Amino acid sequence: MQNPYLYLGLAFFLGSLPFGHWLALTRGVDLRKQGSGNTGATNVGRVLGKKWGYLVFALDLGKGWLAVAMAQFAGELSDRWVLASGVCAVLGHVFSPWLGFRGGKGVATSAGILVGLTPWIALAVVGLWAGLFQISRMVSIASLGAATAFPVLVFWLHPTQSFLQWTSIGISL
């Protein structure tokens, strides 16, 4: 069996890469001193513009997805280890050693976990988020709606997979 702790360490390292911070530095901006002070996609979008925010969102989402995909690719790891790899990516993002153990909020990286674990449900949740954002023009409202819908969809579409159900609740919180 593969050493599952290797995947946890790799996932934490991957999650810790502060793409938003690094991108902003290439543009001459220290995000920690601009906008909300956060290094995530929302603040990048506010400070540098939407296209850069979208890029950082995609990169941060990719960290969560890749952490899950690596563990799934190992083939011998249980679902719990796969999920733990995703959680380690989020922890790396939130507590990045590159930034003095401070980082983003982990929303996009958590979304990457969702894409890796339940791609069709993730797509539906993204669609709901986009619709709510178009109506409200508020990221927070759209995020709350999506976070509420995710476990409901998992319980509905995966009624016998209690581990995935509890995971969906944990991720949504």
Foldseek 3Di string as FASTA:
>chain_A
DDDLVVLLVVLLQLLQPLPQQVVVVVVVDRCCPDDPNASALVSSCVPVNNVSSVVRLVSLLVSLQVSLVVQVVVVPDDPVSSVSSLVSSQQSQQQRVVVNGHHHNSPSSLLSVCCNPPVVLSVVLVVQLVVQCVVPVDNVRSLLVSLVVSLVVCCVVPVPPVVVSVVSPVSSD
